[in-house]
Amino acid sequence: MSKAKRDNKVFVLDTSVIIYEHNSILNFDEHDIGIPITVLEELDNFKKGNDTKNFEAREFIRLIDKLANGQMLHNWNSLNGQSKGQFKVLMDTNSVVDANKVFNEDKADHRILNAALQLQKEETHRKVILVSKDINLRLKAKSLGLHAEDYTTGKIKNISSLYTGITILEDVDPNMINLLYDKGYCPPEEVLTSEIPMKNHYYIMKSGKKSILAFFNSANGMMEHVEKRGVYGIKPRNAEQAFAIHALLKPEIKLVSMQGVAGTGKTLIALAAALEQKKDFRQIYLARPIVPLSNKDIGFLPGDIKSKLNPYMEPLWDNLKFIQSQYSESDKEYSKIVEMVNNEKLVITPLAYIRGRSLSNICFIVDEAQNLTPHEVKQLLREPVKTLK
């Protein structure tokens, strides 16, 4: 039986971390992992169901069983890989400070605290850290003298550091701008002095009062003019929207990600671009993750399944109605949308209803993608996705 290293840290994982990402146990490099027995009890309650948290609970249980490889879990067991640490299941007994008594309530969170406090007593030469997505549990841990951190793997720390896909070039040779307008393309070295163009990257080129929108096409190695093109009655109002439409309409670009504040037209543009390409796809799926209100699952809402889902899906229907309103009822575009909805060629659905299905030649539009778990993003990337917003 191997012994834990004395120079690394021990991270104690809360249930919230595991149902956020089931393989989180593998993301702590050479450090060791403690799993309170209460966490396993809570996961047992989560394992049944079709929600993401149910999937994560089941996958974690399978992962632990595989990693244990027949060994007893109350002892340190090696994680996969030479650079990884070890893990074991922690009991919540004999804690120096009883969190149940301190906070005057016997509950799962307090038993998890007791397990971490007991480990801190045993591992006096190492730093023990509770990792939890629950900010209140982290505050309780700190009040008892226990280090606590949020699980930040996969979390964006600085929005401004995100790749925007756009570069603004000042003082561009006006002759190059005229050339782009006239011919529609030019070699990138004519406008880029030292920068190496990135694949599928967009540029706003300026020269005094002149400006032009451009795109580096890696297929032919040319800088191309991007025109402000409308799609299914929706016209771009700025450069960013023009770039989004251009990317969405290019068949060689399989995944498009759009980030912006509410009201910038992300869903509207993605849906309009999908309708513009309806002949290229068998179906269009417009989906969004369901985020329960007041921590209550959708089953708590009154009515049948359609009544339960309507409040979540209404913003998506609003965008479809707005596109439809660009035409009169006698226009073929108007009637085509009605026909697509009736024949389920255009489907608006919760993202959870798509999991596990085999879909081909589908245009996916995912709304509120910031609420996706890492597992859901990975799953979408395995599907024949066109757009992810």
Protein backbone atom coordinates (compact mmCIF):
# COMPACT_ATOMS: atom_id res chain seq x y z
CA MET A 1 0.00 0.00 0.00
CA SER A 2 1.56 3.27 -1.11
CA LYS A 3 1.83 6.20 1.23
CA ALA A 4 0.79 9.75 0.43
CA LYS A 5 3.54 12.17 -0.40
CA ARG A 6 4.31 14.65 2.35
CA ASP A 7 5.10 17.68 0.17
CA ASN A 8 1.89 17.98 -1.82
CA LYS A 9 -1.53 19.32 -0.91
CA VAL A 10 -4.72 17.43 -0.18
CA PHE A 11 -7.91 18.68 -1.83
CA VAL A 12 -11.22 17.56 -0.35
CA LEU A 13 -13.98 17.61 -2.98
CA ASP A 14 -17.54 18.64 -2.22
CA THR A 15 -20.51 17.08 -4.06
CA SER A 16 -21.07 20.30 -6.01
CA VAL A 17 -17.67 19.93 -7.70
CA ILE A 18 -18.33 16.37 -8.81
CA ILE A 19 -21.78 17.02 -10.32
CA TYR A 20 -20.23 20.03 -12.09
CA GLU A 21 -17.53 17.84 -13.70
CA HIS A 22 -17.27 14.13 -12.93
CA ASN A 23 -13.58 13.83 -13.86
CA SER A 24 -12.60 16.79 -11.66
CA ILE A 25 -10.68 14.32 -9.48
CA LEU A 26 -8.11 14.07 -12.30
CA ASN A 27 -7.53 17.83 -12.58
CA PHE A 28 -5.36 18.45 -9.49
CA ASP A 29 -1.97 17.50 -10.95
CA GLU A 30 0.28 15.76 -8.41
CA HIS A 31 -1.87 16.62 -5.37
CA ASP A 32 -3.97 14.12 -3.41
CA ILE A 33 -7.77 14.00 -3.29
CA GLY A 34 -10.05 13.28 -0.36
CA ILE A 35 -13.68 12.28 -0.99
CA PRO A 36 -15.93 12.46 2.12
CA ILE A 37 -18.17 9.41 2.56
CA THR A 38 -21.12 11.83 2.70
CA VAL A 39 -20.35 12.87 -0.89
CA LEU A 40 -20.81 9.27 -2.02
CA GLU A 41 -24.12 9.17 -0.15
CA GLU A 42 -25.30 12.31 -1.91
CA LEU A 43 -24.18 11.00 -5.30
CA ASP A 44 -26.27 7.90 -4.68
CA ASN A 45 -29.34 10.19 -4.54
CA PHE A 46 -28.28 12.00 -7.72
CA LYS A 47 -27.51 8.96 -9.89
CA LYS A 48 -31.08 8.44 -11.14
CA GLY A 49 -32.46 10.84 -13.75
CA ASN A 50 -31.70 12.39 -17.13
CA ASP A 51 -30.30 15.75 -16.05
CA THR A 52 -26.64 16.65 -16.39
CA LYS A 53 -26.06 16.27 -12.65
CA ASN A 54 -27.41 12.71 -12.83
CA PHE A 55 -25.04 11.87 -15.67
CA GLU A 56 -22.07 13.38 -13.82
CA ALA A 57 -22.92 11.43 -10.64
CA ARG A 58 -23.10 8.12 -12.50
CA GLU A 59 -19.87 8.76 -14.40
CA PHE A 60 -18.00 9.69 -11.21
CA ILE A 61 -19.13 6.51 -9.46
CA ARG A 62 -17.90 4.45 -12.44
CA LEU A 63 -14.61 6.37 -12.49
CA ILE A 64 -13.95 5.77 -8.78
CA ASP A 65 -14.73 2.07 -9.16
CA LYS A 66 -12.28 1.85 -12.06
CA LEU A 67 -9.54 3.79 -10.24
CA ALA A 68 -9.92 1.70 -7.09
CA ASN A 69 -9.20 -1.47 -9.10
CA GLY A 70 -10.27 -3.74 -6.25
CA GLN A 71 -8.42 -1.82 -3.50
CA MET A 72 -10.02 -0.60 -0.27
CA LEU A 73 -11.13 3.02 -0.56
CA HIS A 74 -10.34 4.06 3.03
CA ASN A 75 -6.63 3.82 2.13
CA TRP A 76 -4.70 5.99 -0.33
CA ASN A 77 -5.06 4.69 -3.89
CA SER A 78 -3.11 5.89 -6.91
CA LEU A 79 -4.75 7.97 -9.61
CA ASN A 80 -3.94 7.22 -13.22
CA GLY A 81 -0.69 8.66 -14.54
CA GLN A 82 2.76 9.16 -13.00
CA SER A 83 2.15 12.88 -12.53
CA LYS A 84 -1.10 12.31 -10.60
CA GLY A 85 -1.53 12.03 -6.85
CA GLN A 86 -3.64 9.64 -4.78
CA PHE A 87 -7.17 9.53 -3.44
CA LYS A 88 -9.18 7.98 -0.64
CA VAL A 89 -12.62 8.15 0.94
CA LEU A 90 -12.81 10.13 4.19
CA MET A 91 -14.95 9.36 7.23
CA ASP A 92 -16.66 12.19 9.12
CA THR A 93 -16.08 10.84 12.66
CA ASN A 94 -13.77 11.93 15.49
CA SER A 95 -13.41 15.49 14.18
CA VAL A 96 -11.71 17.95 16.55
CA VAL A 97 -14.48 20.47 15.89
CA ASP A 98 -17.97 19.11 15.24
CA ALA A 99 -19.54 21.31 12.54
CA ASN A 100 -22.98 19.88 13.33
CA LYS A 101 -22.76 21.30 16.85
CA VAL A 102 -21.12 24.57 15.78
CA PHE A 103 -23.86 25.34 13.26
CA ASN A 104 -26.57 23.66 15.37
CA GLU A 105 -27.76 21.35 12.58
CA ASP A 106 -26.90 17.85 11.38
CA LYS A 107 -26.70 18.05 7.58
CA ALA A 108 -24.58 16.73 4.71
CA ASP A 109 -22.52 19.92 4.34
CA HIS A 110 -21.50 19.81 7.98
CA ARG A 111 -20.52 16.14 7.79
CA ILE A 112 -18.33 17.00 4.77
CA LEU A 113 -16.71 19.73 6.87
CA ASN A 114 -16.09 17.23 9.67
CA ALA A 115 -14.38 14.83 7.26
CA ALA A 116 -12.11 17.61 5.98
CA LEU A 117 -11.32 18.80 9.53
CA GLN A 118 -10.44 15.26 10.60
CA LEU A 119 -8.09 14.93 7.61
CA GLN A 120 -6.50 18.26 8.55
CA LYS A 121 -5.85 16.83 12.03
CA GLU A 122 -4.22 13.71 10.55
CA GLU A 123 -2.21 15.46 7.83
CA THR A 124 -0.49 18.04 10.03
CA HIS A 125 2.43 18.51 7.62
CA ARG A 126 0.29 19.15 4.56
CA LYS A 127 -2.17 21.81 3.52
CA VAL A 128 -5.76 20.52 3.38
CA ILE A 129 -8.13 22.50 1.16
CA LEU A 130 -11.88 22.05 0.76
CA VAL A 131 -12.98 22.58 -2.86
CA SER A 132 -16.63 23.52 -3.35
CA LYS A 133 -18.87 25.41 -5.79
CA ASP A 134 -21.00 26.38 -2.77
CA ILE A 135 -19.79 29.77 -1.54
CA ASN A 136 -21.62 29.42 1.79
CA LEU A 137 -19.91 26.10 2.49
CA ARG A 138 -16.56 27.71 1.71
CA LEU A 139 -17.32 30.49 4.20
CA LYS A 140 -18.25 27.94 6.87
CA ALA A 141 -15.01 26.06 6.24
CA LYS A 142 -12.93 29.21 6.62
CA SER A 143 -14.76 30.09 9.84
CA LEU A 144 -13.60 26.73 11.24
CA GLY A 145 -9.98 27.32 10.23
CA LEU A 146 -10.10 25.19 7.09
CA HIS A 147 -8.76 26.44 3.76
CA ALA A 148 -11.45 26.51 1.04
CA GLU A 149 -11.43 27.29 -2.69
CA ASP A 150 -13.81 27.37 -5.63
CA TYR A 151 -13.36 24.81 -8.43
CA THR A 152 -12.16 27.07 -11.23
CA THR A 153 -11.09 24.57 -13.92
CA GLY A 154 -12.77 25.60 -17.16
CA LYS A 155 -13.85 28.96 -15.71
CA ILE A 156 -12.91 32.13 -17.56
CA LYS A 157 -11.15 34.47 -15.15
CA ASN A 158 -10.97 37.52 -17.38
CA ILE A 159 -13.60 38.07 -20.09
CA SER A 160 -11.44 40.70 -21.76
CA SER A 161 -8.76 38.08 -22.44
CA LEU A 162 -11.11 35.97 -24.56
CA TYR A 163 -10.28 35.57 -28.22
CA THR A 164 -12.56 37.98 -30.09
CA GLY A 165 -11.83 36.84 -33.64
CA ILE A 166 -11.44 40.47 -34.73
CA THR A 167 -8.43 42.73 -35.21
CA ILE A 168 -8.63 46.46 -35.96
CA LEU A 169 -5.88 47.70 -38.30
CA GLU A 170 -5.18 51.43 -38.38
CA ASP A 171 -3.35 53.40 -41.10
CA VAL A 172 -3.77 50.76 -43.78
CA ASP A 173 -2.59 51.72 -47.27
CA PRO A 174 -5.71 53.27 -48.92
CA ASN A 175 -4.71 51.62 -52.21
CA MET A 176 -5.13 48.21 -50.54
CA ILE A 177 -8.59 49.18 -49.31
CA ASN A 178 -9.51 50.26 -52.84
CA LEU A 179 -8.09 46.98 -54.17
CA LEU A 180 -10.21 44.97 -51.76
CA TYR A 181 -13.30 46.89 -52.83
CA ASP A 182 -12.50 46.45 -56.53
CA LYS A 183 -11.20 42.88 -56.72
CA GLY A 184 -12.65 41.50 -53.48
CA TYR A 185 -9.31 40.04 -52.30
CA CYS A 186 -5.61 40.72 -51.87
CA PRO A 187 -2.54 38.94 -50.42
CA PRO A 188 -2.39 39.30 -46.60
CA GLU A 189 1.22 40.53 -46.67
CA GLU A 190 0.01 43.65 -48.48
CA VAL A 191 -1.92 44.81 -45.41
CA LEU A 192 -0.21 42.95 -42.55
CA THR A 193 3.32 44.10 -41.76
CA SER A 194 4.47 41.60 -39.13
CA GLU A 195 1.36 39.77 -37.99
CA ILE A 196 0.79 36.22 -39.26
CA PRO A 197 -2.90 35.92 -40.16
CA MET A 198 -4.92 33.43 -38.12
CA LYS A 199 -7.29 30.96 -39.72
CA ASN A 200 -10.83 32.36 -40.10
CA HIS A 201 -9.82 35.67 -38.51
CA TYR A 202 -11.64 38.95 -39.25
CA TYR A 203 -10.21 42.44 -39.71
CA ILE A 204 -11.53 46.00 -39.63
CA MET A 205 -9.11 47.98 -41.81
CA LYS A 206 -9.01 51.76 -41.54
CA SER A 207 -7.27 54.52 -43.44
CA GLY A 208 -8.46 57.97 -42.46
CA LYS A 209 -12.17 58.08 -43.21
CA LYS A 210 -11.97 54.94 -45.33
CA SER A 211 -12.60 51.51 -43.82
CA ILE A 212 -13.38 48.00 -44.97
CA LEU A 213 -14.27 44.67 -43.40
CA ALA A 214 -12.03 41.74 -44.32
CA PHE A 215 -11.57 38.04 -43.63
CA PHE A 216 -8.49 35.82 -43.96
CA ASN A 217 -9.46 32.77 -45.98
CA SER A 218 -6.93 30.09 -45.11
CA ALA A 219 -8.22 27.91 -47.96
CA ASN A 220 -6.78 30.21 -50.63
CA GLY A 221 -4.43 32.26 -48.44
CA MET A 222 -6.11 35.55 -49.37
CA MET A 223 -7.57 38.48 -47.49
CA GLU A 224 -11.18 38.82 -48.67
CA HIS A 225 -13.72 41.61 -48.52
CA VAL A 226 -16.67 40.95 -46.18
CA GLU A 227 -19.90 42.56 -47.35
CA LYS A 228 -22.70 43.48 -44.96
CA ARG A 229 -25.16 40.85 -46.10
CA GLY A 230 -28.65 40.34 -44.71
CA VAL A 231 -30.09 36.89 -43.97
CA TYR A 232 -33.78 36.01 -43.99
CA GLY A 233 -34.83 39.62 -43.52
CA ILE A 234 -32.27 40.38 -40.80
CA LYS A 235 -29.61 42.96 -41.70
CA PRO A 236 -26.37 43.49 -39.70
CA ARG A 237 -26.12 46.81 -37.89
CA ASN A 238 -22.40 46.74 -37.13
CA ALA A 239 -19.16 45.02 -38.12
CA GLU A 240 -19.47 42.32 -35.46
CA GLN A 241 -22.88 41.24 -36.71
CA ALA A 242 -21.63 41.27 -40.32
CA PHE A 243 -18.73 39.03 -39.32
CA ALA A 244 -21.05 36.67 -37.44
CA ILE A 245 -23.32 36.27 -40.47
CA HIS A 246 -20.32 35.75 -42.76
CA ALA A 247 -18.94 32.99 -40.50
CA LEU A 248 -22.32 31.30 -40.08
CA LEU A 249 -22.84 31.13 -43.84
CA LYS A 250 -19.47 29.55 -44.62
CA PRO A 251 -19.94 25.76 -44.87
CA GLU A 252 -16.27 25.04 -44.07
CA ILE A 253 -16.67 26.70 -40.65
CA LYS A 254 -18.41 24.04 -38.55
CA LEU A 255 -18.49 25.82 -35.21
CA VAL A 256 -19.21 29.49 -34.51
CA SER A 257 -19.15 30.95 -30.99
CA MET A 258 -20.66 34.37 -30.25
CA GLN A 259 -20.25 36.23 -26.98
CA GLY A 260 -21.94 39.49 -26.06
CA VAL A 261 -24.32 41.18 -23.66
CA ALA A 262 -28.07 40.66 -23.90
CA GLY A 263 -29.71 42.35 -26.86
CA THR A 264 -26.77 42.20 -29.28
CA GLY A 265 -28.64 39.86 -31.63
CA LYS A 266 -26.69 36.64 -31.08
CA THR A 267 -29.68 34.28 -31.13
CA LEU A 268 -31.50 36.27 -33.81
CA ILE A 269 -28.55 36.25 -36.21
CA ALA A 270 -27.79 32.56 -35.62
CA LEU A 271 -31.41 31.59 -36.27
CA ALA A 272 -31.73 33.80 -39.37
CA ALA A 273 -28.50 32.36 -40.80
CA ALA A 274 -29.76 28.83 -40.17
CA LEU A 275 -33.02 29.58 -41.99
CA GLU A 276 -31.02 31.02 -44.88
CA GLN A 277 -29.27 27.63 -45.20
CA LYS A 278 -32.31 25.45 -44.56
CA LYS A 279 -31.81 23.52 -47.82
CA ASP A 280 -28.38 22.36 -46.62
CA PHE A 281 -29.65 20.67 -43.45
CA ARG A 282 -32.20 18.01 -42.65
CA GLN A 283 -33.29 19.80 -39.48
CA ILE A 284 -32.56 22.94 -37.51
CA TYR A 285 -32.38 22.55 -33.73
CA LEU A 286 -32.61 25.67 -31.58
CA ALA A 287 -31.87 24.63 -28.02
CA ARG A 288 -30.98 26.07 -24.67
CA PRO A 289 -30.07 24.57 -21.29
CA ILE A 290 -32.84 24.68 -18.72
CA VAL A 291 -31.66 26.49 -15.60
CA PRO A 292 -34.09 25.63 -12.75
CA LEU A 293 -35.56 28.53 -10.81
CA SER A 294 -35.10 28.67 -7.02
CA ASN A 295 -33.08 25.43 -7.19
CA LYS A 296 -36.24 23.50 -8.11
CA ASP A 297 -36.27 21.05 -10.99
CA ILE A 298 -38.70 21.49 -13.85
CA GLY A 299 -40.96 18.80 -12.36
CA PHE A 300 -42.04 21.23 -9.63
CA LEU A 301 -43.72 23.50 -12.18
CA PRO A 302 -47.47 22.99 -12.78
CA GLY A 303 -49.01 21.58 -15.96
CA ASP A 304 -47.95 19.12 -18.65
CA ILE A 305 -44.47 18.98 -20.17
CA LYS A 306 -45.31 21.66 -22.77
CA SER A 307 -46.56 24.04 -20.07
CA LYS A 308 -43.42 23.41 -18.00
CA LEU A 309 -41.08 24.14 -20.91
CA ASN A 310 -42.81 27.17 -22.45
CA PRO A 311 -41.42 29.76 -19.96
CA TYR A 312 -37.86 28.63 -20.78
CA MET A 313 -38.36 28.41 -24.54
CA GLU A 314 -40.39 31.63 -25.00
CA PRO A 315 -37.33 33.84 -25.74
CA LEU A 316 -36.42 31.52 -28.61
CA TRP A 317 -39.94 31.67 -30.03
CA ASP A 318 -39.78 35.48 -29.77
CA ASN A 319 -36.74 35.53 -32.05
CA LEU A 320 -38.48 33.28 -34.57
CA LYS A 321 -41.59 35.49 -34.53
CA PHE A 322 -39.44 38.58 -35.08
CA ILE A 323 -37.85 37.02 -38.18
CA GLN A 324 -41.30 36.02 -39.41
CA SER A 325 -42.56 39.58 -38.87
CA GLN A 326 -40.10 40.84 -41.51
CA TYR A 327 -42.45 39.34 -44.10
CA SER A 328 -46.17 39.55 -44.82
CA GLU A 329 -48.37 36.47 -44.48
CA SER A 330 -48.52 36.17 -48.27
CA ASP A 331 -44.72 35.89 -48.62
CA LYS A 332 -43.25 32.44 -49.16
CA GLU A 333 -40.63 33.05 -46.44
CA TYR A 334 -43.43 33.56 -43.89
CA SER A 335 -45.29 30.41 -44.86
CA LYS A 336 -42.02 28.44 -45.04
CA ILE A 337 -41.31 29.09 -41.37
CA VAL A 338 -44.81 27.91 -40.43
CA GLU A 339 -44.33 24.80 -42.55
CA MET A 340 -40.93 24.03 -41.01
CA VAL A 341 -42.31 24.28 -37.47
CA ASN A 342 -45.35 22.11 -38.30
CA ASN A 343 -43.21 19.46 -40.00
CA GLU A 344 -40.54 19.60 -37.25
CA LYS A 345 -37.89 20.73 -39.69
CA LEU A 346 -37.33 23.55 -37.20
CA VAL A 347 -37.34 22.33 -33.61
CA ILE A 348 -37.10 24.46 -30.47
CA THR A 349 -36.22 22.21 -27.55
CA PRO A 350 -34.38 21.99 -24.21
CA LEU A 351 -30.77 20.91 -24.65
CA ALA A 352 -31.27 17.99 -22.24
CA TYR A 353 -33.74 16.38 -24.68
CA ILE A 354 -31.01 16.03 -27.30
CA ARG A 355 -28.56 14.09 -25.13
CA GLY A 356 -27.97 10.53 -26.30
CA ARG A 357 -29.68 10.95 -29.66
CA SER A 358 -27.98 10.11 -32.94
CA LEU A 359 -28.35 13.15 -35.17
CA SER A 360 -26.88 13.74 -38.61
CA ASN A 361 -26.87 16.70 -41.00
CA ILE A 362 -28.27 18.94 -38.29
CA CYS A 363 -27.81 22.66 -37.78
CA PHE A 364 -27.48 23.26 -34.04
CA ILE A 365 -28.03 26.64 -32.41
CA VAL A 366 -27.38 26.65 -28.66
CA ASP A 367 -28.68 29.65 -26.75
CA GLU A 368 -27.34 30.63 -23.30
CA ALA A 369 -24.24 28.50 -23.92
CA GLN A 370 -22.55 29.99 -20.84
CA ASN A 371 -24.77 27.69 -18.75
CA LEU A 372 -23.40 24.56 -20.40
CA THR A 373 -21.34 22.17 -18.30
CA PRO A 374 -17.96 20.99 -19.63
CA HIS A 375 -19.56 17.62 -20.45
CA GLU A 376 -22.31 19.26 -22.53
CA VAL A 377 -19.77 21.28 -24.52
CA LYS A 378 -17.71 18.17 -25.23
CA GLN A 379 -20.84 16.30 -26.31
CA LEU A 380 -21.87 19.06 -28.69
CA LEU A 381 -18.42 19.11 -30.24
CA ARG A 382 -18.80 15.39 -31.00
CA GLU A 383 -22.10 16.06 -32.81
CA PRO A 384 -22.32 17.48 -36.36
CA VAL A 385 -22.65 21.00 -34.99
CA LYS A 386 -22.93 24.08 -37.18
CA THR A 387 -23.35 26.80 -34.60
CA LEU A 388 -22.76 27.13 -30.88
CA LYS A 389 -23.73 30.50 -29.45
